[in-house]
Amino acid sequence: MSPQIFASWLTIFLGAALAYRTLSLHRQGIPVIQFGKLDKTDFLIPPFGLFFFYHIFANGFHLPGLAGQPMVNNLFTQWLGVGVAVVGLAFAAWGIVSFKHSLRIGIDVETPGEFITNGAFQISRNPLYVGFLFFLLGQFLIFPSLFFLLFLLGGTWLMDRQIKREEDFMTRHYGEAFAHYAQKVRRYL
């Protein structure tokens, strides 16, 4: 199996894991999807993600796409990218499990859930985002083109923006508990 095909399967795994956890919490009456309720610019993110995921498949299965020619064509770098993406998915999955019933996609001001500081949250205040950043970096190493570099940079900017918005909310909502936690645990790694 090529690194490009492996990257496509990793993408399917990522989507399936998030969908499964979101649906299982939804069945329990937990409002996971809070996306766009506070800021309508949140709706810029799903097209970004869908466009990105399509191009992973397009490159993996030789479908029409915009990625262009690779800057480097090195099998070692591509397999290194697979490893980085797998580490990212594993860290994000640990974050999802650590979240328990507090997982939200977007900021939930009405029912934000329990403040989680154990599991993956002992290493990073934002393990899902850190995992996704590793996933993006891995995809760039697998598909090293200007197109995927721009996605890595754009995705990093979007996630950093969202992290800061969420941490502002956490500071207001959880107060001193979040401030104490933020002093002990780094934003990223």
N, C-alpha and C. Protein backbone atom coordinates (compact mmCIF):
# COMPACT_ATOMS: atom_id res chain seq x y z
N MET A 1 0.85 -1.17 0.00
CA MET A 1 0.00 0.00 0.00
C MET A 1 0.90 1.24 0.00
N SER A 2 0.55 2.21 -0.80
CA SER A 2 1.35 3.43 -0.89
C SER A 2 1.02 4.38 0.27
N PRO A 3 1.93 5.29 0.58
CA PRO A 3 1.63 6.27 1.64
C PRO A 3 0.39 7.11 1.31
N GLN A 4 0.17 7.38 0.03
CA GLN A 4 -0.98 8.18 -0.38
C GLN A 4 -2.31 7.45 -0.10
N ILE A 5 -2.35 6.16 -0.39
CA ILE A 5 -3.55 5.36 -0.10
C ILE A 5 -3.73 5.26 1.42
N PHE A 6 -2.63 5.06 2.14
CA PHE A 6 -2.69 4.99 3.60
C PHE A 6 -3.25 6.30 4.15
N ALA A 7 -2.84 7.43 3.58
CA ALA A 7 -3.34 8.74 4.02
C ALA A 7 -4.85 8.83 3.84
N SER A 8 -5.35 8.28 2.74
CA SER A 8 -6.79 8.28 2.50
C SER A 8 -7.52 7.47 3.57
N TRP A 9 -6.98 6.31 3.92
CA TRP A 9 -7.59 5.48 4.97
C TRP A 9 -7.54 6.18 6.33
N LEU A 10 -6.45 6.89 6.61
CA LEU A 10 -6.37 7.64 7.86
C LEU A 10 -7.46 8.70 7.93
N THR A 11 -7.72 9.33 6.80
CA THR A 11 -8.76 10.36 6.74
C THR A 11 -10.13 9.75 7.01
N ILE A 12 -10.38 8.59 6.44
CA ILE A 12 -11.66 7.90 6.70
C ILE A 12 -11.76 7.57 8.18
N PHE A 13 -10.68 7.08 8.78
CA PHE A 13 -10.69 6.76 10.21
C PHE A 13 -10.99 7.99 11.05
N LEU A 14 -10.36 9.11 10.73
CA LEU A 14 -10.59 10.36 11.46
C LEU A 14 -12.06 10.76 11.39
N GLY A 15 -12.61 10.78 10.20
CA GLY A 15 -14.02 11.14 10.03
C GLY A 15 -14.95 10.18 10.75
N ALA A 16 -14.68 8.89 10.66
CA ALA A 16 -15.53 7.89 11.30
C ALA A 16 -15.47 8.01 12.82
N ALA A 17 -14.29 8.23 13.38
CA ALA A 17 -14.15 8.35 14.84
C ALA A 17 -14.92 9.56 15.36
N LEU A 18 -14.79 10.68 14.67
CA LEU A 18 -15.52 11.88 15.11
C LEU A 18 -17.02 11.70 14.95
N ALA A 19 -17.45 11.12 13.83
CA ALA A 19 -18.88 10.91 13.61
C ALA A 19 -19.46 9.96 14.65
N TYR A 20 -18.75 8.88 14.94
CA TYR A 20 -19.22 7.91 15.91
C TYR A 20 -19.39 8.55 17.29
N ARG A 21 -18.38 9.28 17.74
CA ARG A 21 -18.44 9.89 19.07
C ARG A 21 -19.52 10.96 19.13
N THR A 22 -19.65 11.74 18.08
CA THR A 22 -20.68 12.79 18.03
C THR A 22 -22.06 12.17 18.08
N LEU A 23 -22.30 11.12 17.29
CA LEU A 23 -23.61 10.47 17.27
C LEU A 23 -23.92 9.77 18.59
N SER A 24 -22.91 9.13 19.19
CA SER A 24 -23.17 8.44 20.46
C SER A 24 -23.52 9.42 21.56
N LEU A 25 -22.87 10.57 21.60
CA LEU A 25 -23.22 11.58 22.61
C LEU A 25 -24.57 12.21 22.29
N HIS A 26 -24.86 12.42 21.02
CA HIS A 26 -26.16 12.98 20.62
C HIS A 26 -27.30 12.07 21.07
N ARG A 27 -27.10 10.76 20.93
CA ARG A 27 -28.13 9.79 21.37
C ARG A 27 -28.37 9.86 22.87
N GLN A 28 -27.36 10.31 23.62
CA GLN A 28 -27.49 10.45 25.07
C GLN A 28 -28.07 11.82 25.44
N GLY A 29 -28.43 12.61 24.44
CA GLY A 29 -29.01 13.92 24.69
C GLY A 29 -27.99 15.02 24.92
N ILE A 30 -26.74 14.78 24.58
CA ILE A 30 -25.69 15.77 24.78
C ILE A 30 -25.51 16.56 23.49
N PRO A 31 -25.67 17.88 23.56
CA PRO A 31 -25.60 18.71 22.34
C PRO A 31 -24.15 18.97 21.91
N VAL A 32 -23.58 18.07 21.13
CA VAL A 32 -22.18 18.16 20.75
C VAL A 32 -21.93 19.29 19.75
N ILE A 33 -22.76 19.38 18.73
CA ILE A 33 -22.53 20.36 17.66
C ILE A 33 -23.02 21.73 18.11
N GLN A 34 -22.08 22.63 18.34
CA GLN A 34 -22.37 24.00 18.75
C GLN A 34 -21.78 24.99 17.75
N PHE A 35 -21.33 24.45 16.67
CA PHE A 35 -20.61 25.18 15.64
C PHE A 35 -21.43 26.33 15.07
N GLY A 36 -20.85 27.52 15.03
CA GLY A 36 -21.48 28.67 14.39
C GLY A 36 -22.51 29.40 15.20
N LYS A 37 -22.78 28.97 16.41
CA LYS A 37 -23.81 29.63 17.22
C LYS A 37 -23.35 31.00 17.73
N LEU A 38 -22.06 31.13 18.04
CA LEU A 38 -21.55 32.41 18.54
C LEU A 38 -20.95 33.27 17.44
N ASP A 39 -20.40 32.64 16.44
CA ASP A 39 -19.70 33.37 15.38
C ASP A 39 -19.97 32.69 14.05
N LYS A 40 -20.64 33.39 13.17
CA LYS A 40 -21.02 32.81 11.88
C LYS A 40 -19.81 32.52 10.99
N THR A 41 -18.65 33.13 11.29
CA THR A 41 -17.46 32.83 10.48
C THR A 41 -16.98 31.40 10.71
N ASP A 42 -17.52 30.73 11.74
CA ASP A 42 -17.20 29.32 11.94
C ASP A 42 -17.56 28.50 10.70
N PHE A 43 -18.54 28.97 9.96
CA PHE A 43 -18.99 28.22 8.80
C PHE A 43 -18.00 28.25 7.64
N LEU A 44 -16.90 28.97 7.81
CA LEU A 44 -15.82 28.92 6.82
C LEU A 44 -15.00 27.64 6.97
N ILE A 45 -15.03 27.04 8.14
CA ILE A 45 -14.18 25.89 8.42
C ILE A 45 -14.64 24.61 7.70
N PRO A 46 -15.95 24.24 7.71
CA PRO A 46 -16.33 22.99 7.02
C PRO A 46 -15.96 22.94 5.54
N PRO A 47 -16.18 24.00 4.75
CA PRO A 47 -15.74 23.90 3.35
C PRO A 47 -14.23 23.72 3.23
N PHE A 48 -13.48 24.37 4.11
CA PHE A 48 -12.02 24.23 4.15
C PHE A 48 -11.66 22.76 4.37
N GLY A 49 -12.31 22.15 5.36
CA GLY A 49 -12.03 20.74 5.67
C GLY A 49 -12.44 19.80 4.56
N LEU A 50 -13.62 19.99 3.99
CA LEU A 50 -14.08 19.12 2.91
C LEU A 50 -13.17 19.23 1.69
N PHE A 51 -12.77 20.44 1.36
CA PHE A 51 -11.87 20.67 0.24
C PHE A 51 -10.54 19.96 0.48
N PHE A 52 -10.05 20.07 1.70
CA PHE A 52 -8.79 19.42 2.08
C PHE A 52 -8.91 17.90 1.97
N PHE A 53 -9.97 17.33 2.55
CA PHE A 53 -10.13 15.88 2.54
C PHE A 53 -10.33 15.35 1.13
N TYR A 54 -11.06 16.10 0.30
CA TYR A 54 -11.21 15.67 -1.09
C TYR A 54 -9.84 15.55 -1.76
N HIS A 55 -8.98 16.53 -1.51
CA HIS A 55 -7.68 16.52 -2.17
C HIS A 55 -6.75 15.43 -1.64
N ILE A 56 -6.95 14.99 -0.42
CA ILE A 56 -6.21 13.82 0.05
C ILE A 56 -6.61 12.62 -0.80
N PHE A 57 -7.94 12.43 -0.98
CA PHE A 57 -8.42 11.32 -1.80
C PHE A 57 -8.02 11.49 -3.26
N ALA A 58 -8.13 12.71 -3.76
CA ALA A 58 -7.78 12.96 -5.16
C ALA A 58 -6.33 12.59 -5.42
N ASN A 59 -5.44 12.95 -4.50
CA ASN A 59 -4.03 12.61 -4.68
C ASN A 59 -3.76 11.13 -4.43
N GLY A 60 -4.46 10.55 -3.48
CA GLY A 60 -4.26 9.14 -3.19
C GLY A 60 -4.75 8.22 -4.29
N PHE A 61 -5.84 8.62 -4.95
CA PHE A 61 -6.46 7.76 -5.97
C PHE A 61 -6.41 8.35 -7.37
N HIS A 62 -5.54 9.35 -7.56
CA HIS A 62 -5.30 9.95 -8.88
C HIS A 62 -6.59 10.50 -9.51
N LEU A 63 -7.37 11.22 -8.71
CA LEU A 63 -8.57 11.90 -9.19
C LEU A 63 -8.21 13.34 -9.51
N PRO A 64 -9.07 14.05 -10.24
CA PRO A 64 -8.77 15.46 -10.54
C PRO A 64 -8.67 16.28 -9.25
N GLY A 65 -7.70 17.15 -9.19
CA GLY A 65 -7.51 17.99 -8.01
C GLY A 65 -6.62 19.16 -8.33
N LEU A 66 -6.37 19.98 -7.33
CA LEU A 66 -5.59 21.20 -7.50
C LEU A 66 -4.21 21.14 -6.86
N ALA A 67 -3.83 20.02 -6.32
CA ALA A 67 -2.61 19.97 -5.51
C ALA A 67 -1.34 20.23 -6.29
N GLY A 68 -1.33 19.97 -7.57
CA GLY A 68 -0.14 20.23 -8.36
C GLY A 68 0.97 19.23 -8.11
N GLN A 69 2.13 19.57 -8.61
CA GLN A 69 3.28 18.69 -8.51
C GLN A 69 3.90 18.76 -7.11
N PRO A 70 4.40 17.61 -6.63
CA PRO A 70 5.08 17.63 -5.32
C PRO A 70 6.38 18.42 -5.39
N MET A 71 6.69 19.10 -4.28
CA MET A 71 7.96 19.83 -4.19
C MET A 71 9.12 18.85 -4.02
N VAL A 72 8.83 17.73 -3.37
CA VAL A 72 9.81 16.67 -3.13
C VAL A 72 9.09 15.35 -3.37
N ASN A 73 9.77 14.41 -3.95
CA ASN A 73 9.17 13.10 -4.15
C ASN A 73 10.07 12.07 -3.49
N ASN A 74 9.89 11.91 -2.19
CA ASN A 74 10.77 11.07 -1.39
C ASN A 74 9.91 10.09 -0.60
N LEU A 75 10.07 8.81 -0.86
CA LEU A 75 9.27 7.79 -0.20
C LEU A 75 9.47 7.79 1.32
N PHE A 76 10.70 8.02 1.79
CA PHE A 76 10.96 8.08 3.23
C PHE A 76 10.16 9.21 3.87
N THR A 77 10.16 10.39 3.25
CA THR A 77 9.41 11.53 3.78
C THR A 77 7.92 11.24 3.81
N GLN A 78 7.44 10.56 2.78
CA GLN A 78 6.01 10.22 2.74
C GLN A 78 5.64 9.25 3.86
N TRP A 79 6.45 8.24 4.09
CA TRP A 79 6.16 7.30 5.19
C TRP A 79 6.34 7.97 6.56
N LEU A 80 7.28 8.89 6.65
CA LEU A 80 7.41 9.70 7.87
C LEU A 80 6.11 10.47 8.10
N GLY A 81 5.55 11.02 7.02
CA GLY A 81 4.27 11.72 7.11
C GLY A 81 3.15 10.82 7.61
N VAL A 82 3.15 9.58 7.15
CA VAL A 82 2.15 8.61 7.63
C VAL A 82 2.31 8.45 9.15
N GLY A 83 3.55 8.31 9.60
CA GLY A 83 3.80 8.16 11.04
C GLY A 83 3.34 9.37 11.83
N VAL A 84 3.64 10.57 11.32
CA VAL A 84 3.23 11.81 12.00
C VAL A 84 1.70 11.90 12.04
N ALA A 85 1.04 11.55 10.93
CA ALA A 85 -0.43 11.59 10.89
C ALA A 85 -1.04 10.58 11.86
N VAL A 86 -0.45 9.38 11.95
CA VAL A 86 -0.95 8.36 12.89
C VAL A 86 -0.79 8.85 14.33
N VAL A 87 0.36 9.44 14.66
CA VAL A 87 0.56 9.99 16.00
C VAL A 87 -0.49 11.07 16.28
N GLY A 88 -0.74 11.92 15.30
CA GLY A 88 -1.76 12.96 15.46
C GLY A 88 -3.13 12.39 15.71
N LEU A 89 -3.50 11.37 14.92
CA LEU A 89 -4.81 10.74 15.12
C LEU A 89 -4.91 10.06 16.48
N ALA A 90 -3.84 9.41 16.90
CA ALA A 90 -3.84 8.74 18.20
C ALA A 90 -4.01 9.76 19.33
N PHE A 91 -3.31 10.89 19.22
CA PHE A 91 -3.41 11.92 20.26
C PHE A 91 -4.81 12.55 20.27
N ALA A 92 -5.36 12.80 19.07
CA ALA A 92 -6.72 13.34 18.99
C ALA A 92 -7.73 12.34 19.55
N ALA A 93 -7.55 11.05 19.23
CA ALA A 93 -8.46 10.03 19.75
C ALA A 93 -8.38 9.95 21.27
N TRP A 94 -7.19 10.06 21.83
CA TRP A 94 -7.03 10.08 23.28
C TRP A 94 -7.75 11.30 23.86
N GLY A 95 -7.66 12.42 23.18
CA GLY A 95 -8.37 13.62 23.62
C GLY A 95 -9.88 13.42 23.59
N ILE A 96 -10.39 12.77 22.54
CA ILE A 96 -11.83 12.51 22.44
C ILE A 96 -12.29 11.62 23.59
N VAL A 97 -11.52 10.58 23.87
CA VAL A 97 -11.85 9.68 24.98
C VAL A 97 -11.76 10.42 26.32
N SER A 98 -10.74 11.25 26.48
CA SER A 98 -10.56 12.00 27.72
C SER A 98 -11.70 12.99 27.96
N PHE A 99 -12.26 13.51 26.89
CA PHE A 99 -13.36 14.47 27.00
C PHE A 99 -14.60 13.88 27.67
N LYS A 100 -14.78 12.59 27.52
CA LYS A 100 -15.96 11.91 28.04
C LYS A 100 -17.22 12.56 27.48
N HIS A 101 -18.09 13.08 28.34
CA HIS A 101 -19.34 13.69 27.89
C HIS A 101 -19.23 15.19 27.65
N SER A 102 -18.04 15.74 27.76
CA SER A 102 -17.87 17.19 27.59
C SER A 102 -17.45 17.58 26.17
N LEU A 103 -17.34 16.62 25.27
CA LEU A 103 -16.94 16.92 23.89
C LEU A 103 -17.96 17.86 23.25
N ARG A 104 -17.47 18.96 22.71
CA ARG A 104 -18.30 19.91 21.96
C ARG A 104 -17.53 20.33 20.71
N ILE A 105 -18.26 20.51 19.65
CA ILE A 105 -17.68 21.06 18.42
C ILE A 105 -18.21 22.48 18.33
N GLY A 106 -17.36 23.42 18.72
CA GLY A 106 -17.77 24.81 18.88
C GLY A 106 -17.90 25.13 20.36
N ILE A 107 -18.25 26.36 20.65
CA ILE A 107 -18.35 26.81 22.05
C ILE A 107 -19.80 26.70 22.50
N ASP A 108 -20.01 25.94 23.56
CA ASP A 108 -21.35 25.72 24.11
C ASP A 108 -21.51 26.57 25.36
N VAL A 109 -22.17 27.71 25.23
CA VAL A 109 -22.33 28.60 26.39
C VAL A 109 -23.47 28.16 27.29
N GLU A 110 -24.41 27.35 26.78
CA GLU A 110 -25.57 26.94 27.57
C GLU A 110 -25.31 25.70 28.42
N THR A 111 -24.69 24.68 27.85
CA THR A 111 -24.40 23.44 28.58
C THR A 111 -22.97 23.00 28.26
N PRO A 112 -21.97 23.72 28.77
CA PRO A 112 -20.59 23.46 28.36
C PRO A 112 -19.99 22.15 28.85
N GLY A 113 -20.59 21.50 29.77
CA GLY A 113 -20.03 20.23 30.25
C GLY A 113 -19.01 20.43 31.35
N GLU A 114 -18.52 19.32 31.83
CA GLU A 114 -17.55 19.29 32.93
C GLU A 114 -16.19 19.80 32.44
N PHE A 115 -15.47 20.47 33.32
CA PHE A 115 -14.12 20.96 33.03
C PHE A 115 -13.17 19.78 33.15
N ILE A 116 -12.55 19.38 32.05
CA ILE A 116 -11.71 18.18 31.99
C ILE A 116 -10.23 18.57 32.09
N THR A 117 -9.51 17.93 33.01
CA THR A 117 -8.07 18.19 33.17
C THR A 117 -7.25 16.91 33.25
N ASN A 118 -7.88 15.75 33.03
CA ASN A 118 -7.14 14.49 33.12
C ASN A 118 -6.96 13.88 31.73
N GLY A 119 -6.32 12.73 31.67
CA GLY A 119 -6.07 12.08 30.39
C GLY A 119 -5.15 12.92 29.52
N ALA A 120 -5.51 13.08 28.26
CA ALA A 120 -4.70 13.86 27.32
C ALA A 120 -4.61 15.32 27.74
N PHE A 121 -5.55 15.77 28.55
CA PHE A 121 -5.57 17.17 28.98
C PHE A 121 -4.53 17.45 30.07
N GLN A 122 -3.82 16.42 30.53
CA GLN A 122 -2.69 16.63 31.43
C GLN A 122 -1.44 17.02 30.65
N ILE A 123 -1.44 16.76 29.36
CA ILE A 123 -0.28 17.05 28.50
C ILE A 123 -0.49 18.34 27.71
N SER A 124 -1.72 18.56 27.25
CA SER A 124 -2.05 19.71 26.42
C SER A 124 -3.44 20.20 26.78
N ARG A 125 -3.62 21.53 26.77
CA ARG A 125 -4.96 22.07 27.00
C ARG A 125 -5.85 21.82 25.79
N ASN A 126 -5.26 21.48 24.66
CA ASN A 126 -6.00 21.32 23.41
C ASN A 126 -5.54 20.08 22.63
N PRO A 127 -5.70 18.89 23.20
CA PRO A 127 -5.16 17.70 22.54
C PRO A 127 -5.80 17.38 21.19
N LEU A 128 -7.07 17.69 21.00
CA LEU A 128 -7.68 17.42 19.71
C LEU A 128 -7.06 18.30 18.63
N TYR A 129 -6.89 19.58 18.94
CA TYR A 129 -6.29 20.48 17.96
C TYR A 129 -4.83 20.12 17.70
N VAL A 130 -4.11 19.76 18.73
CA VAL A 130 -2.71 19.34 18.54
C VAL A 130 -2.67 18.10 17.65
N GLY A 131 -3.56 17.15 17.91
CA GLY A 131 -3.63 15.96 17.07
C GLY A 131 -3.95 16.30 15.63
N PHE A 132 -4.89 17.22 15.41
CA PHE A 132 -5.25 17.62 14.05
C PHE A 132 -4.09 18.34 13.37
N LEU A 133 -3.33 19.13 14.14
CA LEU A 133 -2.17 19.80 13.55
C LEU A 133 -1.11 18.78 13.12
N PHE A 134 -0.89 17.76 13.92
CA PHE A 134 0.03 16.70 13.52
C PHE A 134 -0.50 15.98 12.28
N PHE A 135 -1.81 15.77 12.24
CA PHE A 135 -2.43 15.13 11.08
C PHE A 135 -2.18 15.98 9.82
N LEU A 136 -2.39 17.31 9.92
CA LEU A 136 -2.13 18.19 8.78
C LEU A 136 -0.67 18.17 8.36
N LEU A 137 0.23 18.19 9.34
CA LEU A 137 1.66 18.12 9.03
C LEU A 137 2.00 16.80 8.33
N GLY A 138 1.44 15.72 8.84
CA GLY A 138 1.66 14.41 8.21
C GLY A 138 1.16 14.38 6.77
N GLN A 139 -0.02 14.97 6.54
CA GLN A 139 -0.55 15.00 5.18
C GLN A 139 0.35 15.82 4.26
N PHE A 140 0.90 16.92 4.77
CA PHE A 140 1.83 17.70 3.96
C PHE A 140 3.08 16.90 3.61
N LEU A 141 3.59 16.11 4.56
CA LEU A 141 4.76 15.28 4.27
C LEU A 141 4.45 14.18 3.26
N ILE A 142 3.23 13.68 3.29
CA ILE A 142 2.82 12.66 2.33
C ILE A 142 2.62 13.26 0.94
N PHE A 143 1.99 14.43 0.92
CA PHE A 143 1.70 15.15 -0.33
C PHE A 143 2.43 16.50 -0.30
N PRO A 144 3.75 16.53 -0.46
CA PRO A 144 4.52 17.76 -0.25
C PRO A 144 4.41 18.75 -1.42
N SER A 145 3.25 19.38 -1.54
CA SER A 145 3.06 20.38 -2.59
C SER A 145 2.73 21.72 -1.94
N LEU A 146 2.83 22.76 -2.73
CA LEU A 146 2.48 24.10 -2.25
C LEU A 146 1.05 24.13 -1.76
N PHE A 147 0.18 23.42 -2.44
CA PHE A 147 -1.24 23.34 -2.08
C PHE A 147 -1.40 22.84 -0.65
N PHE A 148 -0.75 21.72 -0.31
CA PHE A 148 -0.88 21.15 1.04
C PHE A 148 -0.12 21.98 2.07
N LEU A 149 0.92 22.67 1.66
CA LEU A 149 1.60 23.60 2.57
C LEU A 149 0.66 24.74 2.94
N LEU A 150 -0.07 25.26 1.97
CA LEU A 150 -1.04 26.32 2.25
C LEU A 150 -2.15 25.82 3.17
N PHE A 151 -2.58 24.57 2.99
CA PHE A 151 -3.58 24.00 3.89
C PHE A 151 -3.03 23.84 5.30
N LEU A 152 -1.78 23.43 5.42
CA LEU A 152 -1.15 23.31 6.73
C LEU A 152 -1.11 24.67 7.42
N LEU A 153 -0.68 25.69 6.70
CA LEU A 153 -0.61 27.04 7.28
C LEU A 153 -1.99 27.59 7.60
N GLY A 154 -2.92 27.43 6.67
CA GLY A 154 -4.29 27.91 6.90
C GLY A 154 -4.97 27.18 8.04
N GLY A 155 -4.80 25.86 8.08
CA GLY A 155 -5.39 25.07 9.16
C GLY A 155 -4.81 25.43 10.52
N THR A 156 -3.51 25.68 10.54
CA THR A 156 -2.85 26.09 11.79
C THR A 156 -3.44 27.42 12.26
N TRP A 157 -3.60 28.36 11.34
CA TRP A 157 -4.17 29.66 11.71
C TRP A 157 -5.61 29.51 12.21
N LEU A 158 -6.44 28.72 11.51
CA LEU A 158 -7.83 28.54 11.92
C LEU A 158 -7.93 27.87 13.29
N MET A 159 -7.10 26.86 13.53
CA MET A 159 -7.15 26.18 14.83
C MET A 159 -6.65 27.07 15.95
N ASP A 160 -5.59 27.83 15.70
CA ASP A 160 -5.08 28.75 16.71
C ASP A 160 -6.15 29.79 17.06
N ARG A 161 -6.83 30.29 16.05
CA ARG A 161 -7.93 31.26 16.25
C ARG A 161 -9.02 30.65 17.13
N GLN A 162 -9.42 29.41 16.81
CA GLN A 162 -10.48 28.76 17.58
C GLN A 162 -10.03 28.46 19.01
N ILE A 163 -8.79 28.02 19.17
CA ILE A 163 -8.26 27.74 20.51
C ILE A 163 -8.33 29.00 21.38
N LYS A 164 -7.92 30.12 20.85
CA LYS A 164 -7.94 31.37 21.62
C LYS A 164 -9.36 31.77 21.98
N ARG A 165 -10.30 31.58 21.06
CA ARG A 165 -11.71 31.88 21.36
C ARG A 165 -12.23 30.96 22.46
N GLU A 166 -11.91 29.68 22.36
CA GLU A 166 -12.37 28.73 23.37
C GLU A 166 -11.73 29.00 24.73
N GLU A 167 -10.45 29.35 24.74
CA GLU A 167 -9.79 29.62 26.01
C GLU A 167 -10.30 30.91 26.64
N ASP A 168 -10.69 31.89 25.84
CA ASP A 168 -11.34 33.09 26.38
C ASP A 168 -12.64 32.71 27.08
N PHE A 169 -13.42 31.83 26.44
CA PHE A 169 -14.67 31.37 27.05
C PHE A 169 -14.37 30.59 28.34
N MET A 170 -13.37 29.71 28.29
CA MET A 170 -13.03 28.91 29.47
C MET A 170 -12.62 29.82 30.64
N THR A 171 -11.88 30.87 30.34
CA THR A 171 -11.46 31.82 31.38
C THR A 171 -12.69 32.48 32.02
N ARG A 172 -13.63 32.89 31.19
CA ARG A 172 -14.85 33.53 31.73
C ARG A 172 -15.73 32.53 32.47
N HIS A 173 -15.87 31.33 31.93
CA HIS A 173 -16.81 30.37 32.50
C HIS A 173 -16.26 29.63 33.73
N TYR A 174 -15.01 29.19 33.65
CA TYR A 174 -14.45 28.39 34.74
C TYR A 174 -13.56 29.18 35.68
N GLY A 175 -13.26 30.43 35.32
CA GLY A 175 -12.55 31.35 36.19
C GLY A 175 -11.21 30.86 36.70
N GLU A 176 -11.08 30.89 38.02
CA GLU A 176 -9.81 30.56 38.69
C GLU A 176 -9.36 29.12 38.40
N ALA A 177 -10.31 28.21 38.27
CA ALA A 177 -9.94 26.81 37.99
C ALA A 177 -9.22 26.71 36.65
N PHE A 178 -9.71 27.42 35.65
CA PHE A 178 -9.04 27.38 34.35
C PHE A 178 -7.71 28.12 34.40
N ALA A 179 -7.66 29.25 35.10
CA ALA A 179 -6.41 30.02 35.21
C ALA A 179 -5.32 29.17 35.86
N HIS A 180 -5.67 28.45 36.91
CA HIS A 180 -4.70 27.58 37.60
C HIS A 180 -4.25 26.45 36.66
N TYR A 181 -5.19 25.85 35.96
CA TYR A 181 -4.88 24.77 35.00
C TYR A 181 -3.97 25.29 33.89
N ALA A 182 -4.26 26.49 33.37
CA ALA A 182 -3.48 27.07 32.27
C ALA A 182 -2.05 27.37 32.69
N GLN A 183 -1.82 27.61 33.97
CA GLN A 183 -0.46 27.83 34.46
C GLN A 183 0.34 26.53 34.48
N LYS A 184 -0.33 25.41 34.65
CA LYS A 184 0.35 24.12 34.77
C LYS A 184 0.50 23.39 33.43
N VAL A 185 -0.47 23.56 32.52
CA VAL A 185 -0.49 22.79 31.28
C VAL A 185 -0.40 23.74 30.09
N ARG A 186 0.46 23.42 29.15
CA ARG A 186 0.67 24.28 27.99
C ARG A 186 -0.53 24.26 27.03
N ARG A 187 -0.65 25.32 26.27
CA ARG A 187 -1.72 25.43 25.28
C ARG A 187 -1.61 24.32 24.23
N TYR A 188 -0.40 24.05 23.78
CA TYR A 188 -0.17 23.04 22.74
C TYR A 188 0.55 21.84 23.34
N LEU A 189 1.85 21.83 23.31
CA LEU A 189 2.62 20.73 23.92
C LEU A 189 3.72 21.28 24.79
